[in-house]
Structures are given as C-alpha cells and as structure tokens.
C-alpha cells in the first residue's frame, strides 16, 4: 500500500485491469500491453489512475491520439483509482529444482536442501 492508496505504476495498472486490453477485452502477456491515455496527452490528458487503461498494441495504434469514441473503440471497463489490489498467490517451486546460481538468493533453506 502507498500512503494515499495504491501506488501508480505499470504493474499496478496491469493488475487493476486484469492483464486485459480495455478495448478488445483480450487477456495478454504484460509485455504485449501498454498504457493508453483515455484523453490523449496531446489534448491535456494526465498520467493518472482515472485516465489510464491497458491496451494491446493493435488497439493502441488504432486509437492513436483520439478519444476511444473518436476511434470507434468501446471501453470494456472504466479506469478508476483502486484503494487496494488483489494479491496473487506466491510463486512456489521445489528448492531441489532451483538452478544452483539462485541458491545464494533463496536463503538458508535453499542451502540446506542443496
């Protein structure tokens, strides 16, 4: 948590939007999504929670510096400033299968299993 709610960051925007493009609604890998300013920066749009959504590259190119309405795009969800984000389960794996070069970073239990 950030002092005034959830910190604005790329990963937090992706998490809020469920790793989906706001315009086509498809789930994508994080590297295939980017920020989109609903009101373009060229028109005074700010980089804030309520003006940013995730979009895939094709939808982002189609929208360009237009509003979604001008570009003929339907928004599948509206941007909002979250008060919290869903936490995901931690990544679990067998320490015995960890690469040897990871062991110094995995703590004393990794050293015990090595």
PDB file of N, CA and C in Angstrom:
ATOM      1  N   UNK A   1       0.840  -1.194   0.000  1.00  0.00           N
ATOM      2  CA  UNK A   1       0.000   0.000   0.000  1.00  0.00           C
ATOM      3  C   UNK A   1       0.876   1.245   0.000  1.00  0.00           C
ATOM      4  N   UNK A   2       0.408   2.229  -0.658  1.00  0.00           N
ATOM      5  CA  UNK A   2       1.064   3.527  -0.724  1.00  0.00           C
ATOM      6  C   UNK A   2       0.367   4.427   0.290  1.00  0.00           C
ATOM      7  N   UNK A   3       1.032   5.472   0.679  1.00  0.00           N
ATOM      8  CA  UNK A   3       0.498   6.392   1.684  1.00  0.00           C
ATOM      9  C   UNK A   3      -0.928   6.841   1.339  1.00  0.00           C
ATOM     10  N   UNK A   4      -1.189   7.122   0.081  1.00  0.00           N
ATOM     11  CA  UNK A   4      -2.504   7.602  -0.347  1.00  0.00           C
ATOM     12  C   UNK A   4      -3.211   6.573  -1.223  1.00  0.00           C
ATOM     13  N   UNK A   5      -3.188   5.315  -0.839  1.00  0.00           N
ATOM     14  CA  UNK A   5      -3.815   4.269  -1.638  1.00  0.00           C
ATOM     15  C   UNK A   5      -2.755   3.450  -2.342  1.00  0.00           C
ATOM     16  N   UNK A   6      -3.105   2.915  -3.500  1.00  0.00           N
ATOM     17  CA  UNK A   6      -2.197   2.075  -4.267  1.00  0.00           C
ATOM     18  C   UNK A   6      -1.277   2.958  -5.104  1.00  0.00           C
ATOM     19  N   UNK A   7      -0.002   2.650  -5.076  1.00  0.00           N
ATOM     20  CA  UNK A   7       0.972   3.415  -5.853  1.00  0.00           C
ATOM     21  C   UNK A   7       0.699   3.251  -7.347  1.00  0.00           C
ATOM     22  N   UNK A   8       0.736   4.340  -8.078  1.00  0.00           N
ATOM     23  CA  UNK A   8       0.549   4.284  -9.529  1.00  0.00           C
ATOM     24  C   UNK A   8       1.822   3.736 -10.154  1.00  0.00           C
ATOM     25  N   UNK A   9       1.713   2.613 -10.838  1.00  0.00           N
ATOM     26  CA  UNK A   9       2.843   2.023 -11.546  1.00  0.00           C
ATOM     27  C   UNK A   9       2.303   1.150 -12.672  1.00  0.00           C
ATOM     28  N   UNK A  10       3.159   0.809 -13.592  1.00  0.00           N
ATOM     29  CA  UNK A  10       2.754  -0.031 -14.725  1.00  0.00           C
ATOM     30  C   UNK A  10       2.175  -1.360 -14.246  1.00  0.00           C
ATOM     31  N   UNK A  11       2.874  -2.051 -13.355  1.00  0.00           N
ATOM     32  CA  UNK A  11       2.404  -3.358 -12.908  1.00  0.00           C
ATOM     33  C   UNK A  11       1.091  -3.237 -12.152  1.00  0.00           C
ATOM     34  N   UNK A  12       0.896  -2.156 -11.404  1.00  0.00           N
ATOM     35  CA  UNK A  12      -0.366  -1.978 -10.690  1.00  0.00           C
ATOM     36  C   UNK A  12      -1.523  -1.661 -11.635  1.00  0.00           C
ATOM     37  N   UNK A  13      -1.253  -0.928 -12.709  1.00  0.00           N
ATOM     38  CA  UNK A  13      -2.298  -0.678 -13.718  1.00  0.00           C
ATOM     39  C   UNK A  13      -2.649  -1.998 -14.405  1.00  0.00           C
ATOM     40  N   UNK A  14      -1.634  -2.782 -14.767  1.00  0.00           N
ATOM     41  CA  UNK A  14      -1.885  -4.080 -15.392  1.00  0.00           C
ATOM     42  C   UNK A  14      -2.688  -4.987 -14.460  1.00  0.00           C
ATOM     43  N   UNK A  15      -2.355  -4.978 -13.184  1.00  0.00           N
ATOM     44  CA  UNK A  15      -3.076  -5.793 -12.200  1.00  0.00           C
ATOM     45  C   UNK A  15      -4.514  -5.321 -12.069  1.00  0.00           C
ATOM     46  N   UNK A  16      -4.702  -4.028 -11.931  1.00  0.00           N
ATOM     47  CA  UNK A  16      -6.064  -3.481 -11.820  1.00  0.00           C
ATOM     48  C   UNK A  16      -6.919  -3.907 -13.014  1.00  0.00           C
ATOM     49  N   UNK A  17      -6.338  -3.865 -14.213  1.00  0.00           N
ATOM     50  CA  UNK A  17      -7.085  -4.154 -15.442  1.00  0.00           C
ATOM     51  C   UNK A  17      -7.103  -5.644 -15.794  1.00  0.00           C
ATOM     52  N   UNK A  18      -6.545  -6.467 -14.929  1.00  0.00           N
ATOM     53  CA  UNK A  18      -6.611  -7.909 -15.139  1.00  0.00           C
ATOM     54  C   UNK A  18      -5.828  -8.407 -16.341  1.00  0.00           C
ATOM     55  N   UNK A  19      -4.761  -7.694 -16.700  1.00  0.00           N
ATOM     56  CA  UNK A  19      -3.924  -8.064 -17.851  1.00  0.00           C
ATOM     57  C   UNK A  19      -4.760  -8.171 -19.137  1.00  0.00           C
ATOM     58  N   UNK A  20      -5.765  -7.293 -19.259  1.00  0.00           N
ATOM     59  CA  UNK A  20      -6.635  -7.286 -20.428  1.00  0.00           C
ATOM     60  C   UNK A  20      -6.564  -5.936 -21.124  1.00  0.00           C
ATOM     61  N   UNK A  21      -6.761  -5.976 -22.433  1.00  0.00           N
ATOM     62  CA  UNK A  21      -6.881  -4.741 -23.198  1.00  0.00           C
ATOM     63  C   UNK A  21      -8.262  -4.160 -22.926  1.00  0.00           C
ATOM     64  N   UNK A  22      -8.318  -2.900 -22.617  1.00  0.00           N
ATOM     65  CA  UNK A  22      -9.580  -2.232 -22.323  1.00  0.00           C
ATOM     66  C   UNK A  22     -10.491  -2.185 -23.542  1.00  0.00           C
ATOM     67  N   UNK A  23      -9.919  -2.218 -24.733  1.00  0.00           N
ATOM     68  CA  UNK A  23     -10.700  -2.026 -25.953  1.00  0.00           C
ATOM     69  C   UNK A  23     -11.172  -3.326 -26.597  1.00  0.00           C
ATOM     70  N   UNK A  24     -10.307  -4.306 -26.739  1.00  0.00           N
ATOM     71  CA  UNK A  24     -10.740  -5.580 -27.334  1.00  0.00           C
ATOM     72  C   UNK A  24     -11.092  -6.603 -26.260  1.00  0.00           C
ATOM     73  N   UNK A  25     -10.677  -6.358 -25.027  1.00  0.00           N
ATOM     74  CA  UNK A  25     -11.006  -7.231 -23.914  1.00  0.00           C
ATOM     75  C   UNK A  25     -10.151  -8.481 -23.802  1.00  0.00           C
ATOM     76  N   UNK A  26      -9.180  -8.667 -24.694  1.00  0.00           N
ATOM     77  CA  UNK A  26      -8.344  -9.870 -24.667  1.00  0.00           C
ATOM     78  C   UNK A  26      -7.307  -9.814 -23.559  1.00  0.00           C
ATOM     79  N   UNK A  27      -7.125 -10.981 -22.901  1.00  0.00           N
ATOM     80  CA  UNK A  27      -6.036 -11.122 -21.919  1.00  0.00           C
ATOM     81  C   UNK A  27      -4.746 -11.283 -22.704  1.00  0.00           C
ATOM     82  N   UNK A  28      -3.719 -10.591 -22.262  1.00  0.00           N
ATOM     83  CA  UNK A  28      -2.416 -10.631 -22.930  1.00  0.00           C
ATOM     84  C   UNK A  28      -1.321 -10.766 -21.885  1.00  0.00           C
ATOM     85  N   UNK A  29      -0.124 -11.082 -22.372  1.00  0.00           N
ATOM     86  CA  UNK A  29       1.047 -11.069 -21.500  1.00  0.00           C
ATOM     87  C   UNK A  29       1.392  -9.606 -21.207  1.00  0.00           C
ATOM     88  N   UNK A  30       1.967  -9.330 -20.050  1.00  0.00           N
ATOM     89  CA  UNK A  30       2.299  -7.940 -19.718  1.00  0.00           C
ATOM     90  C   UNK A  30       3.128  -7.235 -20.792  1.00  0.00           C
ATOM     91  N   UNK A  31       4.061  -7.955 -21.414  1.00  0.00           N
ATOM     92  CA  UNK A  31       4.899  -7.298 -22.427  1.00  0.00           C
ATOM     93  C   UNK A  31       4.126  -6.946 -23.695  1.00  0.00           C
ATOM     94  N   UNK A  32       2.906  -7.497 -23.851  1.00  0.00           N
ATOM     95  CA  UNK A  32       2.088  -7.203 -25.021  1.00  0.00           C
ATOM     96  C   UNK A  32       1.033  -6.138 -24.742  1.00  0.00           C
ATOM     97  N   UNK A  33       1.109  -5.535 -23.564  1.00  0.00           N
ATOM     98  CA  UNK A  33       0.171  -4.479 -23.183  1.00  0.00           C
ATOM     99  C   UNK A  33       0.936  -3.206 -22.855  1.00  0.00           C
ATOM    100  N   UNK A  34       0.268  -2.082 -23.030  1.00  0.00           N
ATOM    101  CA  UNK A  34       0.884  -0.816 -22.651  1.00  0.00           C
ATOM    102  C   UNK A  34      -0.173   0.112 -22.060  1.00  0.00           C
ATOM    103  N   UNK A  35       0.290   1.260 -21.582  1.00  0.00           N
ATOM    104  CA  UNK A  35      -0.605   2.298 -21.087  1.00  0.00           C
ATOM    105  C   UNK A  35      -1.325   2.916 -22.271  1.00  0.00           C
ATOM    106  N   UNK A  36      -2.560   3.310 -22.042  1.00  0.00           N
ATOM    107  CA  UNK A  36      -3.230   4.175 -23.001  1.00  0.00           C
ATOM    108  C   UNK A  36      -3.895   5.288 -22.219  1.00  0.00           C
ATOM    109  N   UNK A  37      -3.673   6.507 -22.665  1.00  0.00           N
ATOM    110  CA  UNK A  37      -4.326   7.663 -22.064  1.00  0.00           C
ATOM    111  C   UNK A  37      -5.709   7.779 -22.710  1.00  0.00           C
ATOM    112  N   UNK A  38      -6.776   7.654 -21.927  1.00  0.00           N
ATOM    113  CA  UNK A  38      -8.129   7.750 -22.462  1.00  0.00           C
ATOM    114  C   UNK A  38      -8.298   9.113 -23.124  1.00  0.00           C
ATOM    115  N   UNK A  39      -8.021  10.173 -22.404  1.00  0.00           N
ATOM    116  CA  UNK A  39      -7.915  11.502 -23.005  1.00  0.00           C
ATOM    117  C   UNK A  39      -6.437  11.669 -23.333  1.00  0.00           C
ATOM    118  N   UNK A  40      -6.088  11.703 -24.622  1.00  0.00           N
ATOM    119  CA  UNK A  40      -4.665  11.726 -25.005  1.00  0.00           C
ATOM    120  C   UNK A  40      -3.885  12.870 -24.362  1.00  0.00           C
ATOM    121  N   UNK A  41      -2.613  12.601 -24.118  1.00  0.00           N
ATOM    122  CA  UNK A  41      -1.736  13.630 -23.539  1.00  0.00           C
ATOM    123  C   UNK A  41      -1.678  14.860 -24.429  1.00  0.00           C
ATOM    124  N   UNK A  42      -1.755  14.655 -25.733  1.00  0.00           N
ATOM    125  CA  UNK A  42      -1.711  15.790 -26.657  1.00  0.00           C
ATOM    126  C   UNK A  42      -2.909  16.719 -26.477  1.00  0.00           C
ATOM    127  N   UNK A  43      -3.929  16.255 -25.768  1.00  0.00           N
ATOM    128  CA  UNK A  43      -5.119  17.062 -25.502  1.00  0.00           C
ATOM    129  C   UNK A  43      -5.233  17.418 -24.027  1.00  0.00           C
ATOM    130  N   UNK A  44      -4.139  17.252 -23.304  1.00  0.00           N
ATOM    131  CA  UNK A  44      -4.117  17.635 -21.897  1.00  0.00           C
ATOM    132  C   UNK A  44      -4.399  16.503 -20.922  1.00  0.00           C
ATOM    133  N   UNK A  45      -4.504  15.273 -21.421  1.00  0.00           N
ATOM    134  CA  UNK A  45      -4.743  14.133 -20.540  1.00  0.00           C
ATOM    135  C   UNK A  45      -3.553  13.877 -19.634  1.00  0.00           C
ATOM    136  N   UNK A  46      -3.817  13.562 -18.414  1.00  0.00           N
ATOM    137  CA  UNK A  46      -2.767  13.326 -17.422  1.00  0.00           C
ATOM    138  C   UNK A  46      -2.503  11.837 -17.257  1.00  0.00           C
ATOM    139  N   UNK A  47      -1.327  11.510 -16.741  1.00  0.00           N
ATOM    140  CA  UNK A  47      -0.969  10.124 -16.443  1.00  0.00           C
ATOM    141  C   UNK A  47      -1.369   9.848 -14.998  1.00  0.00           C
ATOM    142  N   UNK A  48      -2.653   9.592 -14.817  1.00  0.00           N
ATOM    143  CA  UNK A  48      -3.237   9.318 -13.506  1.00  0.00           C
ATOM    144  C   UNK A  48      -4.185   8.134 -13.633  1.00  0.00           C
ATOM    145  N   UNK A  49      -4.506   7.508 -12.506  1.00  0.00           N
ATOM    146  CA  UNK A  49      -5.350   6.315 -12.497  1.00  0.00           C
ATOM    147  C   UNK A  49      -6.597   6.445 -13.348  1.00  0.00           C
ATOM    148  N   UNK A  50      -7.309   7.573 -13.237  1.00  0.00           N
ATOM    149  CA  UNK A  50      -8.611   7.689 -13.908  1.00  0.00           C
ATOM    150  C   UNK A  50      -8.507   8.039 -15.394  1.00  0.00           C
ATOM    151  N   UNK A  51      -7.287   8.189 -15.908  1.00  0.00           N
ATOM    152  CA  UNK A  51      -7.115   8.464 -17.339  1.00  0.00           C
ATOM    153  C   UNK A  51      -6.264   7.412 -18.041  1.00  0.00           C
ATOM    154  N   UNK A  52      -5.875   6.361 -17.336  1.00  0.00           N
ATOM    155  CA  UNK A  52      -5.005   5.336 -17.915  1.00  0.00           C
ATOM    156  C   UNK A  52      -5.711   3.987 -17.902  1.00  0.00           C
ATOM    157  N   UNK A  53      -5.623   3.276 -19.026  1.00  0.00           N
ATOM    158  CA  UNK A  53      -6.074   1.889 -19.122  1.00  0.00           C
ATOM    159  C   UNK A  53      -4.980   1.104 -19.828  1.00  0.00           C
ATOM    160  N   UNK A  54      -5.062  -0.216 -19.755  1.00  0.00           N
ATOM    161  CA  UNK A  54      -4.129  -1.035 -20.515  1.00  0.00           C
ATOM    162  C   UNK A  54      -4.739  -1.309 -21.888  1.00  0.00           C
ATOM    163  N   UNK A  55      -3.875  -1.350 -22.887  1.00  0.00           N
ATOM    164  CA  UNK A  55      -4.337  -1.669 -24.237  1.00  0.00           C
ATOM    165  C   UNK A  55      -3.270  -2.481 -24.953  1.00  0.00           C
ATOM    166  N   UNK A  56      -3.735  -3.302 -25.886  1.00  0.00           N
ATOM    167  CA  UNK A  56      -2.787  -4.067 -26.702  1.00  0.00           C
ATOM    168  C   UNK A  56      -2.253  -3.142 -27.791  1.00  0.00           C
ATOM    169  N   UNK A  57      -1.173  -3.553 -28.411  1.00  0.00           N
ATOM    170  CA  UNK A  57      -0.526  -2.704 -29.412  1.00  0.00           C
ATOM    171  C   UNK A  57      -1.454  -2.381 -30.595  1.00  0.00           C
ATOM    172  N   UNK A  58      -2.180  -3.372 -31.158  1.00  0.00           N
ATOM    173  CA  UNK A  58      -3.065  -3.040 -32.289  1.00  0.00           C
ATOM    174  C   UNK A  58      -4.152  -2.029 -31.909  1.00  0.00           C
ATOM    175  N   UNK A  59      -4.768  -2.194 -30.753  1.00  0.00           N
ATOM    176  CA  UNK A  59      -5.800  -1.240 -30.332  1.00  0.00           C
ATOM    177  C   UNK A  59      -5.197   0.129 -30.049  1.00  0.00           C
ATOM    178  N   UNK A  60      -4.002   0.147 -29.456  1.00  0.00           N
ATOM    179  CA  UNK A  60      -3.342   1.412 -29.159  1.00  0.00           C
ATOM    180  C   UNK A  60      -3.012   2.167 -30.450  1.00  0.00           C
ATOM    181  N   UNK A  61      -2.533   1.449 -31.455  1.00  0.00           N
ATOM    182  CA  UNK A  61      -2.247   2.094 -32.749  1.00  0.00           C
ATOM    183  C   UNK A  61      -3.532   2.604 -33.396  1.00  0.00           C
ATOM    184  N   UNK A  62      -4.589   1.808 -33.312  1.00  0.00           N
ATOM    185  CA  UNK A  62      -5.868   2.220 -33.899  1.00  0.00           C
ATOM    186  C   UNK A  62      -6.392   3.482 -33.234  1.00  0.00           C
ATOM    187  N   UNK A  63      -6.255   3.558 -31.923  1.00  0.00           N
ATOM    188  CA  UNK A  63      -6.757   4.726 -31.190  1.00  0.00           C
ATOM    189  C   UNK A  63      -5.907   5.956 -31.451  1.00  0.00           C
ATOM    190  N   UNK A  64      -4.591   5.780 -31.502  1.00  0.00           N
ATOM    191  CA  UNK A  64      -3.712   6.924 -31.761  1.00  0.00           C
ATOM    192  C   UNK A  64      -3.939   8.043 -30.769  1.00  0.00           C
ATOM    193  N   UNK A  65      -4.050   9.265 -31.259  1.00  0.00           N
ATOM    194  CA  UNK A  65      -4.249  10.425 -30.376  1.00  0.00           C
ATOM    195  C   UNK A  65      -5.712  10.871 -30.378  1.00  0.00           C
ATOM    196  N   UNK A  66      -6.616   9.900 -30.521  1.00  0.00           N
ATOM    197  CA  UNK A  66      -8.051  10.184 -30.486  1.00  0.00           C
ATOM    198  C   UNK A  66      -8.615   9.696 -29.150  1.00  0.00           C
ATOM    199  N   UNK A  67      -9.834  10.096 -28.880  1.00  0.00           N
ATOM    200  CA  UNK A  67     -10.538   9.516 -27.741  1.00  0.00           C
ATOM    201  C   UNK A  67     -11.067   8.163 -28.207  1.00  0.00           C
ATOM    202  N   UNK A  68     -11.435   7.284 -27.289  1.00  0.00           N
ATOM    203  CA  UNK A  68     -11.993   5.996 -27.718  1.00  0.00           C
ATOM    204  C   UNK A  68     -13.210   6.164 -28.633  1.00  0.00           C
ATOM    205  N   UNK A  69     -14.068   7.109 -28.313  1.00  0.00           N
ATOM    206  CA  UNK A  69     -15.259   7.342 -29.123  1.00  0.00           C
ATOM    207  C   UNK A  69     -14.880   7.760 -30.542  1.00  0.00           C
ATOM    208  N   UNK A  70     -13.922   8.668 -30.665  1.00  0.00           N
ATOM    209  CA  UNK A  70     -13.484   9.139 -31.991  1.00  0.00           C
ATOM    210  C   UNK A  70     -12.866   8.013 -32.809  1.00  0.00           C
ATOM    211  N   UNK A  71     -12.208   7.077 -32.137  1.00  0.00           N
ATOM    212  CA  UNK A  71     -11.551   5.963 -32.824  1.00  0.00           C
ATOM    213  C   UNK A  71     -12.509   4.795 -33.068  1.00  0.00           C
ATOM    214  N   UNK A  72     -13.741   4.913 -32.588  1.00  0.00           N
ATOM    215  CA  UNK A  72     -14.715   3.841 -32.764  1.00  0.00           C
ATOM    216  C   UNK A  72     -14.452   2.639 -31.873  1.00  0.00           C
ATOM    217  N   UNK A  73     -13.819   2.874 -30.720  1.00  0.00           N
ATOM    218  CA  UNK A  73     -13.488   1.797 -29.793  1.00  0.00           C
ATOM    219  C   UNK A  73     -14.414   1.833 -28.578  1.00  0.00           C
ATOM    220  N   UNK A  74     -14.862   0.669 -28.175  1.00  0.00           N
ATOM    221  CA  UNK A  74     -15.681   0.549 -26.972  1.00  0.00           C
ATOM    222  C   UNK A  74     -14.763   0.192 -25.807  1.00  0.00           C
ATOM    223  N   UNK A  75     -14.940   0.863 -24.692  1.00  0.00           N
ATOM    224  CA  UNK A  75     -14.166   0.541 -23.496  1.00  0.00           C
ATOM    225  C   UNK A  75     -14.903  -0.551 -22.731  1.00  0.00           C
ATOM    226  N   UNK A  76     -14.222  -1.656 -22.430  1.00  0.00           N
ATOM    227  CA  UNK A  76     -14.830  -2.762 -21.706  1.00  0.00           C
ATOM    228  C   UNK A  76     -14.871  -2.518 -20.203  1.00  0.00           C
ATOM    229  N   UNK A  77     -14.103  -1.547 -19.723  1.00  0.00           N
ATOM    230  CA  UNK A  77     -14.143  -1.166 -18.323  1.00  0.00           C
ATOM    231  C   UNK A  77     -13.673   0.275 -18.213  1.00  0.00           C
ATOM    232  N   UNK A  78     -14.044   0.926 -17.128  1.00  0.00           N
ATOM    233  CA  UNK A  78     -13.645   2.318 -16.909  1.00  0.00           C
ATOM    234  C   UNK A  78     -12.481   2.361 -15.941  1.00  0.00           C
ATOM    235  N   UNK A  79     -11.537   3.271 -16.175  1.00  0.00           N
ATOM    236  CA  UNK A  79     -10.408   3.393 -15.247  1.00  0.00           C
ATOM    237  C   UNK A  79     -10.860   3.998 -13.919  1.00  0.00           C
ATOM    238  N   UNK A  80     -10.204   3.550 -12.851  1.00  0.00           N
ATOM    239  CA  UNK A  80     -10.500   4.065 -11.516  1.00  0.00           C
ATOM    240  C   UNK A  80      -9.240   3.970 -10.674  1.00  0.00           C
ATOM    241  N   UNK A  81      -9.232   4.718  -9.599  1.00  0.00           N
ATOM    242  CA  UNK A  81      -8.113   4.676  -8.656  1.00  0.00           C
ATOM    243  C   UNK A  81      -8.435   3.613  -7.610  1.00  0.00           C
ATOM    244  N   UNK A  82      -7.730   2.476  -7.618  1.00  0.00           N
ATOM    245  CA  UNK A  82      -8.046   1.419  -6.652  1.00  0.00           C
ATOM    246  C   UNK A  82      -7.596   1.786  -5.242  1.00  0.00           C
ATOM    247  N   UNK A  83      -8.364   1.309  -4.273  1.00  0.00           N
ATOM    248  CA  UNK A  83      -7.954   1.516  -2.882  1.00  0.00           C
ATOM    249  C   UNK A  83      -7.074   0.366  -2.416  1.00  0.00           C
ATOM    250  N   UNK A  84      -7.171  -0.781  -3.131  1.00  0.00           N
ATOM    251  CA  UNK A  84      -6.310  -1.930  -2.877  1.00  0.00           C
ATOM    252  C   UNK A  84      -6.295  -2.783  -4.139  1.00  0.00           C
ATOM    253  N   UNK A  85      -5.351  -3.696  -4.208  1.00  0.00           N
ATOM    254  CA  UNK A  85      -5.266  -4.618  -5.333  1.00  0.00           C
ATOM    255  C   UNK A  85      -5.254  -6.035  -4.818  1.00  0.00           C
ATOM    256  N   UNK A  86      -5.798  -6.943  -5.598  1.00  0.00           N
ATOM    257  CA  UNK A  86      -5.812  -8.351  -5.238  1.00  0.00           C
ATOM    258  C   UNK A  86      -4.391  -8.871  -5.228  1.00  0.00           C
ATOM    259  N   UNK A  87      -4.048  -9.565  -4.165  1.00  0.00           N
ATOM    260  CA  UNK A  87      -2.727 -10.177  -4.081  1.00  0.00           C
ATOM    261  C   UNK A  87      -2.806 -11.564  -4.693  1.00  0.00           C
ATOM    262  N   UNK A  88      -1.819 -11.921  -5.453  1.00  0.00           N
ATOM    263  CA  UNK A  88      -1.779 -13.229  -6.077  1.00  0.00           C
ATOM    264  C   UNK A  88      -1.001 -14.186  -5.191  1.00  0.00           C
ATOM    265  N   UNK A  89      -1.257 -15.458  -5.389  1.00  0.00           N
ATOM    266  CA  UNK A  89      -0.534 -16.478  -4.651  1.00  0.00           C
ATOM    267  C   UNK A  89       0.953 -16.370  -4.963  1.00  0.00           C
ATOM    268  N   UNK A  90       1.805 -16.650  -4.008  1.00  0.00           N
ATOM    269  CA  UNK A  90       3.241 -16.606  -4.274  1.00  0.00           C
ATOM    270  C   UNK A  90       3.651 -17.715  -5.235  1.00  0.00           C
ATOM    271  N   UNK A  91       4.715 -17.478  -5.941  1.00  0.00           N
ATOM    272  CA  UNK A  91       5.274 -18.476  -6.843  1.00  0.00           C
ATOM    273  C   UNK A  91       5.936 -19.562  -6.005  1.00  0.00           C
ATOM    274  N   UNK A  92       5.488 -20.796  -6.180  1.00  0.00           N
ATOM    275  CA  UNK A  92       6.037 -21.907  -5.423  1.00  0.00           C
ATOM    276  C   UNK A  92       6.772 -22.854  -6.355  1.00  0.00           C
ATOM    277  N   UNK A  93       7.891 -23.370  -5.894  1.00  0.00           N
ATOM    278  CA  UNK A  93       8.641 -24.360  -6.662  1.00  0.00           C
ATOM    279  C   UNK A  93       9.479 -25.174  -5.688  1.00  0.00           C
ATOM    280  N   UNK A  94       9.947 -26.309  -6.165  1.00  0.00           N
ATOM    281  CA  UNK A  94      10.784 -27.168  -5.332  1.00  0.00           C
ATOM    282  C   UNK A  94      12.201 -26.616  -5.281  1.00  0.00           C
ATOM    283  N   UNK A  95      12.717 -26.436  -4.088  1.00  0.00           N
ATOM    284  CA  UNK A  95      14.075 -25.909  -3.942  1.00  0.00           C
ATOM    285  C   UNK A  95      15.100 -26.833  -4.601  1.00  0.00           C
ATOM    286  N   UNK A  96      14.823 -28.136  -4.596  1.00  0.00           N
ATOM    287  CA  UNK A  96      15.759 -29.077  -5.205  1.00  0.00           C
ATOM    288  C   UNK A  96      15.910 -28.837  -6.708  1.00  0.00           C
ATOM    289  N   UNK A  97      14.911 -28.207  -7.308  1.00  0.00           N
ATOM    290  CA  UNK A  97      14.941 -27.970  -8.757  1.00  0.00           C
ATOM    291  C   UNK A  97      15.429 -26.561  -9.105  1.00  0.00           C
ATOM    292  N   UNK A  98      15.764 -25.784  -8.098  1.00  0.00           N
ATOM    293  CA  UNK A  98      16.244 -24.425  -8.350  1.00  0.00           C
ATOM    294  C   UNK A  98      17.632 -24.477  -8.971  1.00  0.00           C
ATOM    295  N   UNK A  99      17.900 -23.602  -9.939  1.00  0.00           N
ATOM    296  CA  UNK A  99      19.243 -23.552 -10.517  1.00  0.00           C
ATOM    297  C   UNK A  99      20.265 -23.197  -9.433  1.00  0.00           C
ATOM    298  N   UNK A 100      21.457 -23.798  -9.475  1.00  0.00           N
ATOM    299  CA  UNK A 100      22.469 -23.547  -8.436  1.00  0.00           C
ATOM    300  C   UNK A 100      22.783 -22.061  -8.245  1.00  0.00           C
ATOM    301  N   UNK A 101      22.742 -21.289  -9.315  1.00  0.00           N
ATOM    302  CA  UNK A 101      23.070 -19.861  -9.190  1.00  0.00           C
ATOM    303  C   UNK A 101      21.995 -19.079  -8.434  1.00  0.00           C
ATOM    304  N   UNK A 102      20.819 -19.640  -8.235  1.00  0.00           N
ATOM    305  CA  UNK A 102      19.768 -18.992  -7.449  1.00  0.00           C
ATOM    306  C   UNK A 102      19.973 -19.174  -5.955  1.00  0.00           C
ATOM    307  N   UNK A 103      20.653 -20.232  -5.548  1.00  0.00           N
ATOM    308  CA  UNK A 103      20.734 -20.615  -4.142  1.00  0.00           C
ATOM    309  C   UNK A 103      21.173 -19.487  -3.202  1.00  0.00           C
ATOM    310  N   UNK A 104      22.171 -18.670  -3.561  1.00  0.00           N
ATOM    311  CA  UNK A 104      22.551 -17.588  -2.637  1.00  0.00           C
ATOM    312  C   UNK A 104      21.410 -16.594  -2.370  1.00  0.00           C
ATOM    313  N   UNK A 105      20.447 -16.501  -3.278  1.00  0.00           N
ATOM    314  CA  UNK A 105      19.362 -15.534  -3.149  1.00  0.00           C
ATOM    315  C   UNK A 105      18.109 -16.127  -2.494  1.00  0.00           C
ATOM    316  N   UNK A 106      18.091 -17.433  -2.317  1.00  0.00           N
ATOM    317  CA  UNK A 106      16.905 -18.096  -1.781  1.00  0.00           C
ATOM    318  C   UNK A 106      16.954 -18.334  -0.283  1.00  0.00           C
ATOM    319  N   UNK A 107      18.038 -17.964   0.356  1.00  0.00           N
ATOM    320  CA  UNK A 107      18.117 -18.049   1.801  1.00  0.00           C
ATOM    321  C   UNK A 107      18.657 -19.366   2.322  1.00  0.00           C
ATOM    322  N   UNK A 108      18.631 -19.497   3.639  1.00  0.00           N
ATOM    323  CA  UNK A 108      19.274 -20.634   4.305  1.00  0.00           C
ATOM    324  C   UNK A 108      18.585 -21.955   3.998  1.00  0.00           C
ATOM    325  N   UNK A 109      17.281 -21.992   3.747  1.00  0.00           N
ATOM    326  CA  UNK A 109      16.595 -23.250   3.465  1.00  0.00           C
ATOM    327  C   UNK A 109      17.059 -23.838   2.135  1.00  0.00           C
ATOM    328  N   UNK A 110      17.393 -22.987   1.195  1.00  0.00           N
ATOM    329  CA  UNK A 110      17.903 -23.476  -0.076  1.00  0.00           C
ATOM    330  C   UNK A 110      19.268 -24.118   0.115  1.00  0.00           C
ATOM    331  N   UNK A 111      20.085 -23.511   0.968  1.00  0.00           N
ATOM    332  CA  UNK A 111      21.414 -24.062   1.240  1.00  0.00           C
ATOM    333  C   UNK A 111      21.320 -25.411   1.929  1.00  0.00           C
ATOM    334  N   UNK A 112      20.299 -25.569   2.801  1.00  0.00           N
ATOM    335  CA  UNK A 112      20.094 -26.843   3.498  1.00  0.00           C
ATOM    336  C   UNK A 112      19.700 -27.953   2.531  1.00  0.00           C
ATOM    337  N   UNK A 113      18.915 -27.607   1.498  1.00  0.00           N
ATOM    338  CA  UNK A 113      18.447 -28.635   0.572  1.00  0.00           C
ATOM    339  C   UNK A 113      19.464 -28.943  -0.518  1.00  0.00           C
ATOM    340  N   UNK A 114      20.496 -28.130  -0.633  1.00  0.00           N
ATOM    341  CA  UNK A 114      21.480 -28.331  -1.695  1.00  0.00           C
ATOM    342  C   UNK A 114      22.455 -29.441  -1.365  1.00  0.00           C
TER     343      UNK A 114
END
